[in-house]
């Protein structure tokens, strides 16, 4: 994929991966999503996480996975937050 990924696209991709791999936990699904989008988008996700949290809590890949997971869980719990 090229260009910035929207939150809607991210959620759809997460849902599709979850349907394909129902036995995985949410963090493993988020990691698969980050891998599918590729290294450039992983850096974008990591930078979004940095902007939201004002800190990095690991490497770029781990931070990107955290962003994906936090985004999906936030939307699940309160869609008005994003």
C-alpha atoms as a PDB file:
ATOM      1  CA  UNK A   1       0.000   0.000   0.000  1.00  0.00           C
ATOM      2  CA  UNK A   2       1.173   3.495  -0.668  1.00  0.00           C
ATOM      3  CA  UNK A   3       0.272   6.758   1.026  1.00  0.00           C
ATOM      4  CA  UNK A   4      -0.944   7.362   4.526  1.00  0.00           C
ATOM      5  CA  UNK A   5      -3.274   4.746   5.952  1.00  0.00           C
ATOM      6  CA  UNK A   6      -6.467   6.096   7.475  1.00  0.00           C
ATOM      7  CA  UNK A   7      -7.840   4.827  10.765  1.00  0.00           C
ATOM      8  CA  UNK A   8     -10.731   3.263   8.849  1.00  0.00           C
ATOM      9  CA  UNK A   9      -8.328   1.365   6.573  1.00  0.00           C
ATOM     10  CA  UNK A  10      -6.357   0.252   9.601  1.00  0.00           C
ATOM     11  CA  UNK A  11      -9.449  -1.092  11.353  1.00  0.00           C
ATOM     12  CA  UNK A  12     -10.616  -2.928   8.234  1.00  0.00           C
ATOM     13  CA  UNK A  13      -7.189  -4.546   7.795  1.00  0.00           C
ATOM     14  CA  UNK A  14      -7.156  -5.523  11.482  1.00  0.00           C
ATOM     15  CA  UNK A  15     -10.610  -7.097  11.144  1.00  0.00           C
ATOM     16  CA  UNK A  16      -9.582  -9.035   8.038  1.00  0.00           C
ATOM     17  CA  UNK A  17      -6.436 -10.388   9.689  1.00  0.00           C
ATOM     18  CA  UNK A  18      -8.449 -11.350  12.746  1.00  0.00           C
ATOM     19  CA  UNK A  19     -10.930 -13.245  10.584  1.00  0.00           C
ATOM     20  CA  UNK A  20      -8.072 -15.075   8.849  1.00  0.00           C
ATOM     21  CA  UNK A  21      -6.319 -15.915  12.146  1.00  0.00           C
ATOM     22  CA  UNK A  22      -8.954 -16.299  14.884  1.00  0.00           C
ATOM     23  CA  UNK A  23      -6.585 -18.099  17.275  1.00  0.00           C
ATOM     24  CA  UNK A  24      -4.107 -15.229  17.570  1.00  0.00           C
ATOM     25  CA  UNK A  25      -4.197 -12.707  20.383  1.00  0.00           C
ATOM     26  CA  UNK A  26      -4.772  -9.045  19.569  1.00  0.00           C
ATOM     27  CA  UNK A  27      -1.101  -8.064  19.820  1.00  0.00           C
ATOM     28  CA  UNK A  28      -0.117 -10.786  17.347  1.00  0.00           C
ATOM     29  CA  UNK A  29      -2.819  -9.571  14.966  1.00  0.00           C
ATOM     30  CA  UNK A  30      -1.554  -5.989  15.296  1.00  0.00           C
ATOM     31  CA  UNK A  31       1.978  -7.192  14.477  1.00  0.00           C
ATOM     32  CA  UNK A  32       0.709  -8.957  11.358  1.00  0.00           C
ATOM     33  CA  UNK A  33      -1.098  -5.790  10.289  1.00  0.00           C
ATOM     34  CA  UNK A  34       2.069  -3.728  10.677  1.00  0.00           C
ATOM     35  CA  UNK A  35       4.034  -6.291   8.641  1.00  0.00           C
ATOM     36  CA  UNK A  36       1.393  -6.271   5.886  1.00  0.00           C
ATOM     37  CA  UNK A  37       1.559  -2.504   5.553  1.00  0.00           C
ATOM     38  CA  UNK A  38       5.354  -2.561   5.295  1.00  0.00           C
ATOM     39  CA  UNK A  39       8.295  -0.676   6.809  1.00  0.00           C
ATOM     40  CA  UNK A  40       7.384   2.821   5.617  1.00  0.00           C
ATOM     41  CA  UNK A  41       3.910   2.591   7.113  1.00  0.00           C
ATOM     42  CA  UNK A  42       5.356   1.052  10.283  1.00  0.00           C
ATOM     43  CA  UNK A  43       7.401   4.217  10.707  1.00  0.00           C
ATOM     44  CA  UNK A  44       4.272   6.292  10.127  1.00  0.00           C
ATOM     45  CA  UNK A  45       2.395   4.316  12.777  1.00  0.00           C
ATOM     46  CA  UNK A  46       5.334   4.697  15.179  1.00  0.00           C
ATOM     47  CA  UNK A  47       5.378   8.454  14.596  1.00  0.00           C
ATOM     48  CA  UNK A  48       1.613   8.644  15.238  1.00  0.00           C
ATOM     49  CA  UNK A  49       2.164   6.779  18.494  1.00  0.00           C
ATOM     50  CA  UNK A  50       4.984   9.139  19.426  1.00  0.00           C
ATOM     51  CA  UNK A  51       2.722  12.126  18.743  1.00  0.00           C
ATOM     52  CA  UNK A  52      -0.084  10.666  20.865  1.00  0.00           C
ATOM     53  CA  UNK A  53       2.051   9.456  23.785  1.00  0.00           C
ATOM     54  CA  UNK A  54       4.929  11.954  23.607  1.00  0.00           C
ATOM     55  CA  UNK A  55       7.397   9.079  24.103  1.00  0.00           C
ATOM     56  CA  UNK A  56       8.735   5.984  22.385  1.00  0.00           C
ATOM     57  CA  UNK A  57       8.388   2.784  24.374  1.00  0.00           C
ATOM     58  CA  UNK A  58      10.547   0.521  22.221  1.00  0.00           C
ATOM     59  CA  UNK A  59      11.759   0.122  18.680  1.00  0.00           C
ATOM     60  CA  UNK A  60       9.877   1.438  15.666  1.00  0.00           C
ATOM     61  CA  UNK A  61       8.168  -1.896  14.937  1.00  0.00           C
ATOM     62  CA  UNK A  62       7.036  -2.422  18.529  1.00  0.00           C
ATOM     63  CA  UNK A  63       5.814   1.174  18.707  1.00  0.00           C
ATOM     64  CA  UNK A  64       3.886   0.726  15.450  1.00  0.00           C
ATOM     65  CA  UNK A  65       2.260  -2.435  16.834  1.00  0.00           C
ATOM     66  CA  UNK A  66       1.321  -0.522  19.994  1.00  0.00           C
ATOM     67  CA  UNK A  67      -0.275   2.209  17.866  1.00  0.00           C
ATOM     68  CA  UNK A  68      -2.353  -0.297  15.883  1.00  0.00           C
ATOM     69  CA  UNK A  69      -3.478  -2.081  19.023  1.00  0.00           C
ATOM     70  CA  UNK A  70      -4.287   1.136  20.913  1.00  0.00           C
ATOM     71  CA  UNK A  71      -6.235   2.484  17.925  1.00  0.00           C
ATOM     72  CA  UNK A  72      -8.354  -0.636  17.552  1.00  0.00           C
ATOM     73  CA  UNK A  73      -9.012  -0.948  21.294  1.00  0.00           C
ATOM     74  CA  UNK A  74      -9.877   2.740  21.594  1.00  0.00           C
ATOM     75  CA  UNK A  75     -12.371   2.483  18.756  1.00  0.00           C
ATOM     76  CA  UNK A  76     -13.849  -0.657  20.258  1.00  0.00           C
ATOM     77  CA  UNK A  77     -14.271   0.965  23.665  1.00  0.00           C
ATOM     78  CA  UNK A  78     -15.274   4.480  22.579  1.00  0.00           C
ATOM     79  CA  UNK A  79     -15.460   5.313  18.864  1.00  0.00           C
ATOM     80  CA  UNK A  80     -15.777   9.016  19.666  1.00  0.00           C
ATOM     81  CA  UNK A  81     -12.192   9.183  20.992  1.00  0.00           C
ATOM     82  CA  UNK A  82     -10.533   9.229  17.545  1.00  0.00           C
END
